[in-house]
N, C-alpha and C. Protein backbone atom coordinates (compact mmCIF):
# COMPACT_ATOMS: atom_id res chain seq x y z
N UNK A 1 115.74 -83.47 13.56
CA UNK A 1 116.65 -83.44 12.39
C UNK A 1 117.98 -83.75 13.03
N UNK A 2 118.78 -84.63 12.42
CA UNK A 2 119.97 -85.20 12.83
C UNK A 2 121.05 -84.25 12.23
N UNK A 3 121.92 -83.38 13.04
CA UNK A 3 122.85 -82.56 12.60
C UNK A 3 124.28 -83.07 12.51
N UNK A 4 124.57 -84.32 12.93
CA UNK A 4 125.73 -85.10 12.73
C UNK A 4 126.13 -85.30 11.29
N UNK A 5 127.37 -84.84 10.89
CA UNK A 5 127.70 -85.25 9.62
C UNK A 5 128.22 -86.63 9.43
N UNK A 6 127.76 -87.26 8.38
CA UNK A 6 128.27 -88.64 8.23
C UNK A 6 129.67 -88.74 7.61
N UNK A 7 130.57 -89.35 8.30
CA UNK A 7 131.91 -89.50 7.92
C UNK A 7 132.07 -90.77 6.83
N UNK A 8 132.65 -90.33 5.84
CA UNK A 8 132.79 -91.46 4.67
C UNK A 8 133.53 -92.59 5.19
N UNK A 9 133.27 -93.81 4.74
CA UNK A 9 133.92 -94.89 5.05
C UNK A 9 135.40 -94.85 4.73
N UNK A 10 135.79 -94.27 3.68
CA UNK A 10 137.15 -94.22 3.26
C UNK A 10 138.07 -93.35 4.11
N UNK A 11 137.56 -92.25 4.85
CA UNK A 11 138.18 -91.61 5.85
C UNK A 11 138.45 -92.36 7.10
N UNK A 12 137.48 -93.06 7.39
CA UNK A 12 137.61 -93.95 8.65
C UNK A 12 138.61 -95.15 8.50
N UNK A 13 138.67 -95.67 7.21
CA UNK A 13 139.59 -96.63 6.82
C UNK A 13 140.97 -96.12 6.84
N UNK A 14 141.12 -94.86 6.20
CA UNK A 14 142.41 -94.18 6.32
C UNK A 14 142.95 -93.86 7.72
N UNK A 15 142.10 -93.33 8.58
CA UNK A 15 142.53 -92.95 9.93
C UNK A 15 142.99 -94.27 10.64
N UNK A 16 142.25 -95.33 10.51
CA UNK A 16 142.45 -96.65 11.16
C UNK A 16 143.87 -97.29 10.59
N UNK A 17 144.02 -97.23 9.33
CA UNK A 17 145.31 -97.62 8.69
C UNK A 17 146.53 -96.77 9.23
N UNK A 18 146.27 -95.53 9.28
CA UNK A 18 147.49 -94.58 9.78
C UNK A 18 147.78 -95.02 11.34
N UNK A 19 146.83 -95.23 12.13
CA UNK A 19 146.95 -95.61 13.45
C UNK A 19 147.79 -96.84 13.62
N UNK A 20 147.31 -97.84 12.73
CA UNK A 20 147.88 -99.17 12.72
C UNK A 20 149.34 -99.00 12.28
N UNK A 21 149.73 -98.17 11.30
CA UNK A 21 151.05 -98.06 10.86
C UNK A 21 151.92 -97.51 11.94
N UNK A 22 151.29 -96.44 12.66
CA UNK A 22 152.05 -95.79 13.75
C UNK A 22 152.25 -96.85 14.80
N UNK A 23 151.41 -97.53 15.25
CA UNK A 23 151.59 -98.61 16.24
C UNK A 23 152.54 -99.63 15.88
N UNK A 24 152.59 -100.13 14.68
CA UNK A 24 153.65 -101.04 14.15
C UNK A 24 155.00 -100.47 14.07
N UNK A 25 154.99 -99.12 13.74
CA UNK A 25 156.41 -98.47 13.66
C UNK A 25 156.86 -98.35 15.19
N UNK A 26 156.09 -97.83 16.16
CA UNK A 26 156.49 -97.78 17.63
C UNK A 26 157.00 -99.25 18.05
N UNK A 27 156.10 -100.24 17.76
CA UNK A 27 156.63 -101.49 18.22
C UNK A 27 157.93 -102.00 17.62
N UNK A 28 158.19 -101.81 16.36
CA UNK A 28 159.41 -102.11 15.67
C UNK A 28 160.57 -101.43 16.26
N UNK A 29 160.35 -100.01 16.51
CA UNK A 29 161.43 -99.19 17.15
C UNK A 29 161.79 -99.81 18.62
N UNK A 30 160.67 -100.21 19.41
CA UNK A 30 160.89 -100.75 20.66
C UNK A 30 161.67 -102.13 20.56
N UNK A 31 161.35 -102.93 19.57
CA UNK A 31 162.01 -104.22 19.31
C UNK A 31 163.47 -103.99 18.99
N UNK A 32 163.78 -103.18 18.10
CA UNK A 32 165.12 -102.74 17.66
C UNK A 32 165.93 -102.30 18.94
N UNK A 33 165.39 -101.37 19.72
CA UNK A 33 165.98 -101.04 20.82
C UNK A 33 166.29 -102.13 21.85
N UNK A 34 165.24 -102.96 22.13
CA UNK A 34 165.46 -104.09 23.03
C UNK A 34 166.54 -105.10 22.47
N UNK A 35 166.66 -105.29 21.19
CA UNK A 35 167.60 -106.06 20.65
C UNK A 35 169.07 -105.72 20.71
N UNK A 36 169.08 -104.27 20.48
CA UNK A 36 170.33 -103.69 20.59
C UNK A 36 170.90 -103.60 22.02
N UNK A 37 170.06 -103.47 22.95
CA UNK A 37 170.42 -103.41 24.41
C UNK A 37 170.86 -104.82 24.80
N UNK A 38 170.22 -105.92 24.24
CA UNK A 38 170.60 -107.20 24.73
C UNK A 38 171.88 -107.48 24.08
N UNK A 39 172.20 -107.22 22.79
CA UNK A 39 173.48 -107.46 22.22
C UNK A 39 174.62 -106.72 22.90
N UNK A 40 174.42 -105.43 23.34
CA UNK A 40 175.32 -104.76 24.03
C UNK A 40 175.68 -105.40 25.40
N UNK A 41 174.61 -105.81 26.21
CA UNK A 41 174.87 -106.24 27.37
C UNK A 41 175.44 -107.60 27.21
N UNK A 42 175.35 -108.41 26.21
CA UNK A 42 175.89 -109.63 26.11
C UNK A 42 177.37 -109.49 25.72
N UNK A 43 177.57 -108.45 24.83
CA UNK A 43 179.06 -108.20 24.48
C UNK A 43 179.94 -107.65 25.64
N UNK A 44 179.21 -106.97 26.65
CA UNK A 44 179.96 -106.36 27.74
C UNK A 44 180.30 -107.53 28.73
N UNK A 45 179.23 -108.32 29.03
CA UNK A 45 179.42 -109.28 30.12
C UNK A 45 179.64 -110.66 29.61
N UNK A 46 179.92 -110.91 28.27
CA UNK A 46 180.27 -112.18 27.92
C UNK A 46 181.61 -112.61 28.54
N UNK A 47 181.78 -113.98 28.86
CA UNK A 47 182.96 -114.40 29.48
C UNK A 47 183.97 -114.76 28.53
N UNK A 48 184.62 -113.83 27.90
CA UNK A 48 185.50 -114.03 26.82
C UNK A 48 186.94 -113.38 27.16
N UNK A 49 187.89 -114.02 26.49
CA UNK A 49 189.17 -113.42 26.76
C UNK A 49 189.91 -113.20 25.39
N UNK A 50 191.05 -112.68 25.33
CA UNK A 50 191.71 -112.15 24.14
C UNK A 50 192.10 -113.50 23.40
N UNK A 51 192.63 -114.38 24.07
CA UNK A 51 193.05 -115.64 23.42
C UNK A 51 192.63 -117.03 24.43
N UNK A 52 192.69 -118.04 23.72
CA UNK A 52 192.38 -119.35 24.63
C UNK A 52 193.63 -120.25 24.49
N UNK A 53 193.56 -121.27 25.30
CA UNK A 53 194.69 -122.07 25.42
C UNK A 53 195.82 -121.59 26.35
N UNK A 54 196.91 -121.66 26.13
CA UNK A 54 197.96 -121.21 27.02
C UNK A 54 198.04 -119.65 27.26
N UNK A 55 197.68 -119.00 26.26
CA UNK A 55 197.84 -117.44 26.40
C UNK A 55 199.08 -116.97 26.53
N UNK A 56 199.27 -115.52 26.61
CA UNK A 56 200.69 -114.90 26.79
C UNK A 56 200.53 -114.14 28.13
N UNK A 57 201.50 -114.22 28.96
CA UNK A 57 201.57 -113.43 30.02
C UNK A 57 202.19 -112.10 29.97
N UNK A 58 201.66 -111.06 30.60
CA UNK A 58 202.18 -109.74 30.56
C UNK A 58 202.34 -109.04 32.00
N UNK A 59 203.24 -108.46 32.20
CA UNK A 59 203.40 -107.77 33.45
C UNK A 59 202.93 -106.34 33.27
N UNK A 60 201.91 -105.99 34.21
CA UNK A 60 201.35 -104.67 34.16
C UNK A 60 201.55 -104.09 35.39
N UNK A 61 201.92 -102.84 35.53
CA UNK A 61 202.22 -102.11 36.79
C UNK A 61 201.05 -101.02 36.82
N UNK A 62 200.41 -100.91 37.85
CA UNK A 62 199.24 -99.97 38.18
C UNK A 62 199.74 -99.10 39.33
N UNK A 63 199.81 -97.87 38.96
CA UNK A 63 200.27 -96.73 40.19
C UNK A 63 199.04 -96.24 40.77
N UNK A 64 199.24 -95.63 41.92
CA UNK A 64 198.31 -94.94 42.72
C UNK A 64 197.34 -94.05 42.02
N UNK A 65 198.06 -93.24 41.18
CA UNK A 65 197.22 -92.12 40.43
C UNK A 65 196.77 -92.50 39.20
N UNK A 66 196.83 -93.81 38.79
CA UNK A 66 196.23 -94.21 37.56
C UNK A 66 194.76 -94.18 37.63
N UNK A 67 194.07 -93.75 36.50
CA UNK A 67 192.61 -93.72 36.53
C UNK A 67 192.20 -95.06 35.74
N UNK A 68 190.99 -95.36 35.89
CA UNK A 68 190.40 -96.57 35.22
C UNK A 68 190.76 -96.57 33.80
N UNK A 69 190.66 -95.32 33.11
CA UNK A 69 191.00 -95.30 31.71
C UNK A 69 192.43 -95.51 31.46
N UNK A 70 193.35 -95.04 32.41
CA UNK A 70 194.75 -95.25 32.28
C UNK A 70 195.13 -96.90 32.29
N UNK A 71 194.51 -97.43 33.17
CA UNK A 71 194.78 -98.85 33.41
C UNK A 71 194.12 -99.64 32.24
N UNK A 72 192.98 -99.27 31.75
CA UNK A 72 192.36 -99.83 30.53
C UNK A 72 193.30 -99.76 29.37
N UNK A 73 193.85 -98.51 29.12
CA UNK A 73 194.80 -98.30 28.07
C UNK A 73 196.16 -99.13 28.15
N UNK A 74 196.60 -99.30 29.39
CA UNK A 74 197.81 -100.19 29.68
C UNK A 74 197.49 -101.69 29.15
N UNK A 75 196.28 -102.04 29.68
CA UNK A 75 196.00 -103.55 29.23
C UNK A 75 195.78 -103.50 27.74
N UNK A 76 195.22 -102.64 27.19
CA UNK A 76 194.85 -102.65 25.83
C UNK A 76 196.13 -102.78 24.91
N UNK A 77 197.04 -101.79 25.31
CA UNK A 77 198.28 -101.81 24.70
C UNK A 77 199.25 -103.01 24.82
N UNK A 78 199.11 -103.73 26.00
CA UNK A 78 199.76 -104.81 26.24
C UNK A 78 199.07 -106.00 25.57
N UNK A 79 197.87 -105.93 25.06
CA UNK A 79 197.19 -107.03 24.26
C UNK A 79 196.45 -107.88 25.13
N UNK A 80 196.26 -107.41 26.52
CA UNK A 80 195.60 -108.27 27.44
C UNK A 80 194.00 -108.18 27.30
N UNK A 81 193.51 -107.06 26.80
CA UNK A 81 192.14 -106.83 26.63
C UNK A 81 191.80 -106.39 25.24
N UNK A 82 190.63 -106.50 24.65
CA UNK A 82 190.46 -106.17 23.36
C UNK A 82 189.57 -104.74 23.23
N UNK A 83 188.97 -104.44 24.30
CA UNK A 83 188.19 -103.19 24.24
C UNK A 83 188.30 -102.47 25.71
N UNK A 84 188.78 -101.20 25.55
CA UNK A 84 188.90 -100.50 26.89
C UNK A 84 187.58 -100.18 27.39
N UNK A 85 186.58 -99.75 26.47
CA UNK A 85 185.24 -99.49 26.94
C UNK A 85 184.55 -100.59 27.88
N UNK A 86 184.83 -101.83 27.34
CA UNK A 86 184.34 -103.03 28.06
C UNK A 86 184.86 -103.09 29.42
N UNK A 87 186.05 -102.91 29.47
CA UNK A 87 186.91 -102.82 30.73
C UNK A 87 186.29 -101.82 31.72
N UNK A 88 186.16 -100.65 31.21
CA UNK A 88 185.70 -99.50 32.06
C UNK A 88 184.35 -99.94 32.67
N UNK A 89 183.40 -100.29 31.81
CA UNK A 89 181.95 -100.69 32.12
C UNK A 89 182.00 -101.70 33.20
N UNK A 90 182.86 -102.67 33.01
CA UNK A 90 182.83 -103.86 33.90
C UNK A 90 183.45 -103.40 35.37
N UNK A 91 184.41 -102.58 35.27
CA UNK A 91 184.96 -101.97 36.55
C UNK A 91 183.82 -101.41 37.38
N UNK A 92 183.10 -100.45 36.63
CA UNK A 92 181.97 -99.68 37.31
C UNK A 92 180.88 -100.59 37.68
N UNK A 93 180.46 -101.38 36.86
CA UNK A 93 179.34 -102.26 37.19
C UNK A 93 179.59 -103.18 38.27
N UNK A 94 180.80 -103.81 38.38
CA UNK A 94 181.09 -104.78 39.44
C UNK A 94 181.58 -104.07 40.74
N UNK A 95 182.01 -102.90 40.53
CA UNK A 95 182.38 -102.14 41.72
C UNK A 95 183.78 -102.42 42.21
N UNK A 96 184.63 -102.94 41.44
CA UNK A 96 186.01 -103.30 41.85
C UNK A 96 186.79 -102.03 42.08
N UNK A 97 187.76 -102.18 43.20
CA UNK A 97 188.60 -101.11 43.46
C UNK A 97 190.06 -101.65 43.15
N UNK A 98 190.72 -101.09 42.16
CA UNK A 98 191.91 -101.61 41.58
C UNK A 98 192.95 -101.13 42.46
N UNK A 99 193.86 -102.06 42.99
CA UNK A 99 194.97 -101.60 43.78
C UNK A 99 196.18 -101.42 43.12
N UNK A 100 197.15 -100.40 43.47
CA UNK A 100 198.41 -100.26 42.89
C UNK A 100 199.22 -101.46 43.15
N UNK A 101 200.04 -101.71 42.09
CA UNK A 101 200.87 -102.85 42.26
C UNK A 101 201.29 -103.42 40.81
N UNK A 102 202.13 -104.38 40.74
CA UNK A 102 202.55 -105.05 39.60
C UNK A 102 201.83 -106.37 39.53
N UNK A 103 201.22 -106.74 38.31
CA UNK A 103 200.41 -107.94 38.20
C UNK A 103 200.88 -108.58 36.88
N UNK A 104 200.70 -110.00 37.02
CA UNK A 104 201.04 -110.74 35.81
C UNK A 104 199.70 -111.11 35.36
N UNK A 105 199.34 -110.68 34.22
CA UNK A 105 198.03 -111.02 33.61
C UNK A 105 198.22 -111.79 32.39
N UNK A 106 197.31 -112.65 32.11
CA UNK A 106 197.45 -113.47 30.77
C UNK A 106 196.32 -113.15 29.94
N UNK A 107 196.58 -113.47 28.61
CA UNK A 107 195.52 -113.13 27.66
C UNK A 107 194.42 -114.06 27.62
N UNK A 108 194.64 -115.23 28.21
CA UNK A 108 193.42 -116.13 28.35
C UNK A 108 192.49 -115.86 29.57
N UNK A 109 192.97 -114.82 30.36
CA UNK A 109 191.98 -114.44 31.37
C UNK A 109 190.96 -113.53 30.86
N UNK A 110 189.72 -113.54 31.53
CA UNK A 110 188.68 -112.63 30.99
C UNK A 110 188.81 -111.39 31.92
N UNK A 111 187.98 -110.39 31.63
CA UNK A 111 188.24 -109.06 32.50
C UNK A 111 187.92 -109.33 33.92
N UNK A 112 186.85 -110.09 34.26
CA UNK A 112 186.40 -110.41 35.63
C UNK A 112 187.58 -110.83 36.35
N UNK A 113 188.31 -111.97 35.79
CA UNK A 113 189.39 -112.43 36.40
C UNK A 113 190.52 -111.57 36.66
N UNK A 114 190.71 -110.68 35.70
CA UNK A 114 191.88 -109.63 36.03
C UNK A 114 191.49 -108.66 36.98
N UNK A 115 190.09 -108.36 37.03
CA UNK A 115 189.74 -107.38 38.12
C UNK A 115 189.86 -108.00 39.61
N UNK A 116 189.56 -109.37 39.53
CA UNK A 116 189.82 -110.00 40.92
C UNK A 116 191.17 -109.95 41.35
N UNK A 117 192.03 -110.21 40.34
CA UNK A 117 193.54 -110.16 40.61
C UNK A 117 193.97 -108.86 41.09
N UNK A 118 193.54 -107.82 40.44
CA UNK A 118 194.11 -106.47 40.68
C UNK A 118 193.33 -105.79 41.83
N UNK A 119 192.35 -106.41 42.26
CA UNK A 119 191.58 -105.75 43.53
C UNK A 119 191.82 -106.55 44.72
N UNK A 120 192.49 -107.66 44.71
CA UNK A 120 192.80 -108.37 45.90
C UNK A 120 194.08 -107.71 46.57
N UNK A 121 193.63 -107.35 47.96
CA UNK A 121 194.74 -106.85 48.72
C UNK A 121 195.91 -107.72 49.03
N UNK A 122 197.12 -107.47 48.88
CA UNK A 122 198.22 -108.34 49.20
C UNK A 122 198.85 -107.73 50.46
N UNK A 123 198.80 -108.47 51.48
CA UNK A 123 199.51 -108.09 52.76
C UNK A 123 200.91 -108.26 52.76
N UNK A 124 201.76 -107.24 52.56
CA UNK A 124 203.20 -107.49 52.50
C UNK A 124 203.85 -107.33 53.82
N UNK A 125 203.11 -106.97 54.90
CA UNK A 125 203.80 -106.82 56.26
C UNK A 125 203.71 -108.30 56.92
N UNK A 126 204.93 -108.76 57.14
CA UNK A 126 204.97 -110.09 57.86
C UNK A 126 205.97 -109.87 58.99
């Protein structure tokens, strides 16, 4: 005598459909997350500047005790960068050490170009 209960076809179909929906939902979440990460990365590292063409030059003074956030806020208030968070992330990612000093930065420069200028040591002893 067979003691196994026979599972109705409708129950099997329902369980399969639920599993399929869960897999599709998981895949769509993964796709949305990957797309958002790509857009975020592209916006952070896109080689863009505030303006194109001749641009406008601004004199920015960085002091020894200025934090990266302080510097980012100075650049933002001067109109040299459009996003302080983007500046902060690029400083951390590229590992630049910003030196104290006075710099002439232009709105046509991208953040990486500004970081190169502000991290280059200038030997004033001659």
